[in-house]
Amino acid sequence: MPDEQTVIKFFDSVNRRDLEEMGNLLTESAEFYFPKAQPLIGKKPVLRFFNILFRQYPQLSFGIQSVIIQGSRAAVHWKNRGANRRNEPYENEGVTILEFAGGRISFISDFFKDTEKFY
């Protein structure tokens, strides 16, 4: 069963670029679905994705707007802002769906407004 503190902890670890902490929050078989990308299955591919994201966007932080928890799922409305590695400003808004198993995140799916700037 998810709790809001675990959700906040996950987004805080993203903001700190703390891959170790993120890994501690994921199941070994975690799945990540990101717009316009192939599904990532397994903790290592998910962490590799975030490592690449952090290099592409060295300045990027997420602010949680709201969290809705229902059963083993959480929906997180967020806004982010920062800059890419060319120091071009970036901001977006979206929702991340998280599913939990055994107190850890087993599924992540992102939905956001502007997918064109990412590619």
N, C-alpha and C. Protein backbone atom coordinates (compact mmCIF):
# COMPACT_ATOMS: atom_id res chain seq x y z
N MET A 1 0.85 -1.19 0.00
CA MET A 1 0.00 0.00 0.00
C MET A 1 0.89 1.24 0.00
N PRO A 2 0.69 2.15 -0.96
CA PRO A 2 1.51 3.36 -1.00
C PRO A 2 1.10 4.34 0.10
N ASP A 3 2.04 5.17 0.45
CA ASP A 3 1.73 6.28 1.33
C ASP A 3 2.37 7.53 0.73
N GLU A 4 1.83 8.66 1.07
CA GLU A 4 2.28 9.91 0.48
C GLU A 4 3.75 10.17 0.75
N GLN A 5 4.26 9.75 1.91
CA GLN A 5 5.67 9.98 2.23
C GLN A 5 6.60 9.23 1.27
N THR A 6 6.22 8.02 0.86
CA THR A 6 7.04 7.26 -0.09
C THR A 6 7.02 7.94 -1.45
N VAL A 7 5.87 8.43 -1.84
CA VAL A 7 5.77 9.16 -3.11
C VAL A 7 6.67 10.38 -3.08
N ILE A 8 6.59 11.15 -2.01
CA ILE A 8 7.42 12.36 -1.87
C ILE A 8 8.90 11.97 -1.85
N LYS A 9 9.23 10.90 -1.17
CA LYS A 9 10.62 10.43 -1.10
C LYS A 9 11.15 10.10 -2.50
N PHE A 10 10.31 9.48 -3.33
CA PHE A 10 10.73 9.15 -4.69
C PHE A 10 11.03 10.42 -5.47
N PHE A 11 10.12 11.39 -5.46
CA PHE A 11 10.35 12.61 -6.21
C PHE A 11 11.51 13.42 -5.63
N ASP A 12 11.69 13.39 -4.33
CA ASP A 12 12.86 14.05 -3.72
C ASP A 12 14.15 13.41 -4.21
N SER A 13 14.17 12.07 -4.33
CA SER A 13 15.37 11.40 -4.81
C SER A 13 15.64 11.75 -6.27
N VAL A 14 14.59 11.94 -7.06
CA VAL A 14 14.77 12.40 -8.45
C VAL A 14 15.37 13.80 -8.44
N ASN A 15 14.83 14.68 -7.63
CA ASN A 15 15.33 16.06 -7.56
C ASN A 15 16.78 16.12 -7.09
N ARG A 16 17.18 15.22 -6.24
CA ARG A 16 18.57 15.18 -5.75
C ARG A 16 19.48 14.37 -6.66
N ARG A 17 18.87 13.71 -7.67
CA ARG A 17 19.61 12.82 -8.58
C ARG A 17 20.29 11.70 -7.83
N ASP A 18 19.59 11.19 -6.86
CA ASP A 18 20.10 10.13 -5.98
C ASP A 18 19.65 8.77 -6.51
N LEU A 19 20.41 8.21 -7.43
CA LEU A 19 20.06 6.93 -8.04
C LEU A 19 20.03 5.79 -7.03
N GLU A 20 20.88 5.85 -6.04
CA GLU A 20 20.88 4.80 -5.01
C GLU A 20 19.56 4.79 -4.25
N GLU A 21 19.12 5.95 -3.82
CA GLU A 21 17.84 6.03 -3.10
C GLU A 21 16.67 5.62 -4.01
N MET A 22 16.72 6.08 -5.25
CA MET A 22 15.68 5.68 -6.19
C MET A 22 15.64 4.16 -6.31
N GLY A 23 16.80 3.56 -6.44
CA GLY A 23 16.88 2.11 -6.54
C GLY A 23 16.31 1.41 -5.33
N ASN A 24 16.50 1.97 -4.16
CA ASN A 24 15.96 1.39 -2.93
C ASN A 24 14.43 1.42 -2.91
N LEU A 25 13.85 2.33 -3.67
CA LEU A 25 12.40 2.48 -3.69
C LEU A 25 11.72 1.64 -4.77
N LEU A 26 12.52 1.03 -5.68
CA LEU A 26 11.97 0.27 -6.80
C LEU A 26 12.07 -1.24 -6.54
N THR A 27 11.11 -1.98 -7.08
CA THR A 27 11.24 -3.43 -7.08
C THR A 27 12.25 -3.82 -8.16
N GLU A 28 12.78 -5.02 -8.08
CA GLU A 28 13.74 -5.50 -9.09
C GLU A 28 13.11 -5.55 -10.48
N SER A 29 11.82 -5.82 -10.54
CA SER A 29 11.13 -5.96 -11.84
C SER A 29 10.31 -4.72 -12.20
N ALA A 30 10.67 -3.58 -11.63
CA ALA A 30 9.92 -2.35 -11.88
C ALA A 30 9.79 -2.08 -13.38
N GLU A 31 8.64 -1.55 -13.76
CA GLU A 31 8.37 -1.18 -15.15
C GLU A 31 8.21 0.33 -15.23
N PHE A 32 8.75 0.91 -16.32
CA PHE A 32 8.65 2.35 -16.52
C PHE A 32 8.20 2.62 -17.94
N TYR A 33 7.11 3.37 -18.07
CA TYR A 33 6.54 3.74 -19.36
C TYR A 33 6.64 5.25 -19.50
N PHE A 34 7.41 5.68 -20.49
CA PHE A 34 7.70 7.08 -20.72
C PHE A 34 7.26 7.43 -22.14
N PRO A 35 6.59 8.57 -22.35
CA PRO A 35 6.10 8.90 -23.68
C PRO A 35 7.18 8.81 -24.76
N LYS A 36 6.81 8.22 -25.88
CA LYS A 36 7.65 8.09 -27.06
C LYS A 36 8.90 7.24 -26.84
N ALA A 37 8.90 6.41 -25.82
CA ALA A 37 10.04 5.53 -25.55
C ALA A 37 9.53 4.09 -25.38
N GLN A 38 10.42 3.15 -25.62
CA GLN A 38 10.08 1.75 -25.38
C GLN A 38 9.92 1.53 -23.87
N PRO A 39 9.05 0.61 -23.46
CA PRO A 39 8.93 0.30 -22.03
C PRO A 39 10.26 -0.19 -21.47
N LEU A 40 10.54 0.21 -20.27
CA LEU A 40 11.75 -0.23 -19.56
C LEU A 40 11.31 -1.20 -18.48
N ILE A 41 11.87 -2.40 -18.51
CA ILE A 41 11.50 -3.44 -17.55
C ILE A 41 12.73 -3.81 -16.73
N GLY A 42 12.62 -3.63 -15.43
CA GLY A 42 13.71 -3.94 -14.52
C GLY A 42 14.31 -2.69 -13.91
N LYS A 43 14.76 -2.82 -12.67
CA LYS A 43 15.32 -1.69 -11.93
C LYS A 43 16.51 -1.06 -12.66
N LYS A 44 17.43 -1.88 -13.16
CA LYS A 44 18.63 -1.34 -13.81
C LYS A 44 18.32 -0.49 -15.03
N PRO A 45 17.47 -0.96 -15.97
CA PRO A 45 17.13 -0.08 -17.11
C PRO A 45 16.42 1.21 -16.69
N VAL A 46 15.59 1.14 -15.66
CA VAL A 46 14.90 2.35 -15.18
C VAL A 46 15.92 3.34 -14.64
N LEU A 47 16.85 2.87 -13.84
CA LEU A 47 17.88 3.77 -13.28
C LEU A 47 18.79 4.30 -14.37
N ARG A 48 19.10 3.49 -15.36
CA ARG A 48 19.91 3.94 -16.50
C ARG A 48 19.20 5.09 -17.23
N PHE A 49 17.89 4.96 -17.41
CA PHE A 49 17.11 6.03 -18.05
C PHE A 49 17.25 7.33 -17.26
N PHE A 50 17.07 7.25 -15.94
CA PHE A 50 17.16 8.47 -15.13
C PHE A 50 18.56 9.06 -15.18
N ASN A 51 19.58 8.22 -15.22
CA ASN A 51 20.95 8.72 -15.32
C ASN A 51 21.14 9.51 -16.62
N ILE A 52 20.59 9.00 -17.72
CA ILE A 52 20.66 9.71 -19.00
C ILE A 52 19.86 11.01 -18.93
N LEU A 53 18.66 10.94 -18.34
CA LEU A 53 17.84 12.13 -18.18
C LEU A 53 18.59 13.22 -17.41
N PHE A 54 19.26 12.83 -16.34
CA PHE A 54 20.00 13.79 -15.53
C PHE A 54 21.14 14.44 -16.32
N ARG A 55 21.76 13.68 -17.21
CA ARG A 55 22.82 14.27 -18.05
C ARG A 55 22.23 15.23 -19.07
N GLN A 56 21.08 14.87 -19.65
CA GLN A 56 20.44 15.72 -20.65
C GLN A 56 19.84 16.99 -20.03
N TYR A 57 19.38 16.86 -18.80
CA TYR A 57 18.75 17.98 -18.08
C TYR A 57 19.43 18.14 -16.72
N PRO A 58 20.63 18.76 -16.71
CA PRO A 58 21.36 18.89 -15.44
C PRO A 58 20.65 19.78 -14.42
N GLN A 59 19.74 20.60 -14.90
CA GLN A 59 18.93 21.42 -14.01
C GLN A 59 17.47 21.06 -14.26
N LEU A 60 16.92 20.23 -13.43
CA LEU A 60 15.52 19.86 -13.57
C LEU A 60 15.00 19.43 -12.21
N SER A 61 13.95 20.09 -11.76
CA SER A 61 13.36 19.70 -10.49
C SER A 61 11.84 19.64 -10.63
N PHE A 62 11.27 18.73 -9.87
CA PHE A 62 9.84 18.46 -9.89
C PHE A 62 9.21 18.99 -8.61
N GLY A 63 8.12 19.72 -8.77
CA GLY A 63 7.33 20.16 -7.63
C GLY A 63 6.00 19.42 -7.64
N ILE A 64 5.71 18.73 -6.57
CA ILE A 64 4.46 17.98 -6.48
C ILE A 64 3.32 18.96 -6.20
N GLN A 65 2.30 18.88 -7.03
CA GLN A 65 1.12 19.72 -6.87
C GLN A 65 0.05 19.01 -6.03
N SER A 66 -0.11 17.70 -6.29
CA SER A 66 -1.07 16.92 -5.51
C SER A 66 -0.78 15.43 -5.69
N VAL A 67 -1.25 14.66 -4.73
CA VAL A 67 -1.11 13.21 -4.74
C VAL A 67 -2.47 12.60 -4.42
N ILE A 68 -2.88 11.65 -5.25
CA ILE A 68 -4.11 10.91 -5.00
C ILE A 68 -3.73 9.44 -4.85
N ILE A 69 -4.14 8.84 -3.76
CA ILE A 69 -3.81 7.44 -3.50
C ILE A 69 -5.11 6.63 -3.50
N GLN A 70 -5.07 5.53 -4.24
CA GLN A 70 -6.21 4.62 -4.29
C GLN A 70 -5.66 3.20 -4.35
N GLY A 71 -5.94 2.43 -3.32
CA GLY A 71 -5.44 1.06 -3.28
C GLY A 71 -3.93 1.03 -3.36
N SER A 72 -3.39 0.28 -4.31
CA SER A 72 -1.94 0.15 -4.45
C SER A 72 -1.36 1.13 -5.46
N ARG A 73 -2.14 2.15 -5.82
CA ARG A 73 -1.70 3.12 -6.82
C ARG A 73 -1.70 4.53 -6.27
N ALA A 74 -0.84 5.34 -6.87
CA ALA A 74 -0.81 6.77 -6.56
C ALA A 74 -0.72 7.53 -7.87
N ALA A 75 -1.44 8.63 -7.97
CA ALA A 75 -1.34 9.56 -9.10
C ALA A 75 -0.72 10.84 -8.57
N VAL A 76 0.34 11.27 -9.21
CA VAL A 76 1.07 12.44 -8.74
C VAL A 76 1.03 13.52 -9.83
N HIS A 77 0.39 14.64 -9.53
CA HIS A 77 0.39 15.78 -10.44
C HIS A 77 1.61 16.62 -10.08
N TRP A 78 2.44 16.91 -11.08
CA TRP A 78 3.67 17.65 -10.84
C TRP A 78 3.87 18.74 -11.89
N LYS A 79 4.71 19.68 -11.55
CA LYS A 79 5.24 20.68 -12.48
C LYS A 79 6.75 20.63 -12.34
N ASN A 80 7.43 20.72 -13.48
CA ASN A 80 8.89 20.75 -13.38
C ASN A 80 9.43 21.94 -14.15
N ARG A 81 10.68 22.26 -13.85
CA ARG A 81 11.37 23.32 -14.56
C ARG A 81 12.85 23.12 -14.39
N GLY A 82 13.58 23.68 -15.33
CA GLY A 82 15.03 23.57 -15.29
C GLY A 82 15.61 24.02 -16.62
N ALA A 83 16.73 23.37 -16.99
CA ALA A 83 17.40 23.69 -18.24
C ALA A 83 18.10 22.44 -18.74
N ASN A 84 18.21 22.36 -20.07
CA ASN A 84 18.92 21.21 -20.65
C ASN A 84 20.42 21.49 -20.63
N ARG A 85 21.19 20.57 -21.20
CA ARG A 85 22.65 20.72 -21.12
C ARG A 85 23.17 21.88 -21.97
N ARG A 86 22.34 22.42 -22.87
CA ARG A 86 22.71 23.62 -23.63
C ARG A 86 22.23 24.89 -22.90
N ASN A 87 21.78 24.69 -21.68
CA ASN A 87 21.28 25.76 -20.82
C ASN A 87 20.02 26.43 -21.37
N GLU A 88 19.25 25.69 -22.16
CA GLU A 88 17.97 26.19 -22.65
C GLU A 88 16.90 25.88 -21.61
N PRO A 89 16.07 26.86 -21.28
CA PRO A 89 15.06 26.63 -20.24
C PRO A 89 14.04 25.57 -20.64
N TYR A 90 13.56 24.87 -19.65
CA TYR A 90 12.57 23.82 -19.88
C TYR A 90 11.59 23.83 -18.72
N GLU A 91 10.31 23.66 -19.03
CA GLU A 91 9.32 23.43 -17.99
C GLU A 91 8.18 22.63 -18.59
N ASN A 92 7.51 21.88 -17.73
CA ASN A 92 6.44 21.02 -18.18
C ASN A 92 5.52 20.73 -16.99
N GLU A 93 4.44 20.06 -17.29
CA GLU A 93 3.48 19.67 -16.26
C GLU A 93 2.91 18.32 -16.65
N GLY A 94 2.68 17.46 -15.66
CA GLY A 94 2.13 16.16 -16.00
C GLY A 94 1.67 15.39 -14.78
N VAL A 95 1.42 14.11 -15.04
CA VAL A 95 0.98 13.19 -14.00
C VAL A 95 1.82 11.92 -14.12
N THR A 96 2.24 11.42 -13.01
CA THR A 96 2.92 10.13 -12.95
C THR A 96 2.05 9.18 -12.15
N ILE A 97 1.81 8.02 -12.73
CA ILE A 97 1.08 6.96 -12.05
C ILE A 97 2.12 6.00 -11.47
N LEU A 98 2.01 5.71 -10.20
CA LEU A 98 2.89 4.77 -9.52
C LEU A 98 2.05 3.62 -8.99
N GLU A 99 2.56 2.41 -9.13
CA GLU A 99 1.95 1.26 -8.48
C GLU A 99 2.97 0.66 -7.53
N PHE A 100 2.48 0.15 -6.43
CA PHE A 100 3.34 -0.37 -5.38
C PHE A 100 3.12 -1.86 -5.16
N ALA A 101 4.19 -2.55 -4.82
CA ALA A 101 4.14 -3.96 -4.44
C ALA A 101 5.14 -4.15 -3.32
N GLY A 102 4.69 -4.67 -2.20
CA GLY A 102 5.59 -4.89 -1.07
C GLY A 102 6.24 -3.62 -0.56
N GLY A 103 5.55 -2.50 -0.65
CA GLY A 103 6.09 -1.24 -0.14
C GLY A 103 7.04 -0.53 -1.08
N ARG A 104 7.28 -1.10 -2.26
CA ARG A 104 8.18 -0.49 -3.25
C ARG A 104 7.42 -0.20 -4.53
N ILE A 105 8.01 0.65 -5.35
CA ILE A 105 7.39 1.03 -6.61
C ILE A 105 7.66 -0.06 -7.65
N SER A 106 6.58 -0.58 -8.23
CA SER A 106 6.71 -1.64 -9.23
C SER A 106 6.35 -1.17 -10.64
N PHE A 107 5.74 0.00 -10.75
CA PHE A 107 5.26 0.49 -12.04
C PHE A 107 5.25 2.01 -12.02
N ILE A 108 5.78 2.59 -13.09
CA ILE A 108 5.78 4.05 -13.26
C ILE A 108 5.30 4.33 -14.67
N SER A 109 4.36 5.24 -14.82
CA SER A 109 3.94 5.67 -16.14
C SER A 109 3.75 7.18 -16.12
N ASP A 110 4.46 7.85 -17.03
CA ASP A 110 4.41 9.31 -17.11
C ASP A 110 3.49 9.78 -18.22
N PHE A 111 2.75 10.81 -17.92
CA PHE A 111 1.91 11.50 -18.89
C PHE A 111 2.20 12.99 -18.71
N PHE A 112 2.64 13.66 -19.77
CA PHE A 112 2.90 15.09 -19.60
C PHE A 112 2.49 15.86 -20.83
N LYS A 113 2.36 17.16 -20.64
CA LYS A 113 1.75 18.03 -21.65
C LYS A 113 2.61 18.20 -22.89
N ASP A 114 3.87 18.47 -22.74
CA ASP A 114 4.71 18.79 -23.88
C ASP A 114 5.77 17.69 -24.08
N THR A 115 5.53 16.82 -25.04
CA THR A 115 6.50 15.74 -25.31
C THR A 115 7.47 16.13 -26.41
N GLU A 116 7.25 17.22 -27.10
CA GLU A 116 8.10 17.59 -28.23
C GLU A 116 9.48 18.10 -27.78
N LYS A 117 9.55 18.79 -26.68
CA LYS A 117 10.82 19.33 -26.24
C LYS A 117 11.79 18.26 -25.79
N PHE A 118 11.29 17.08 -25.50
CA PHE A 118 12.15 16.03 -24.98
C PHE A 118 12.96 15.35 -26.07
N TYR A 119 12.56 15.51 -27.31
CA TYR A 119 13.22 14.74 -28.38
C TYR A 119 13.71 15.62 -29.49
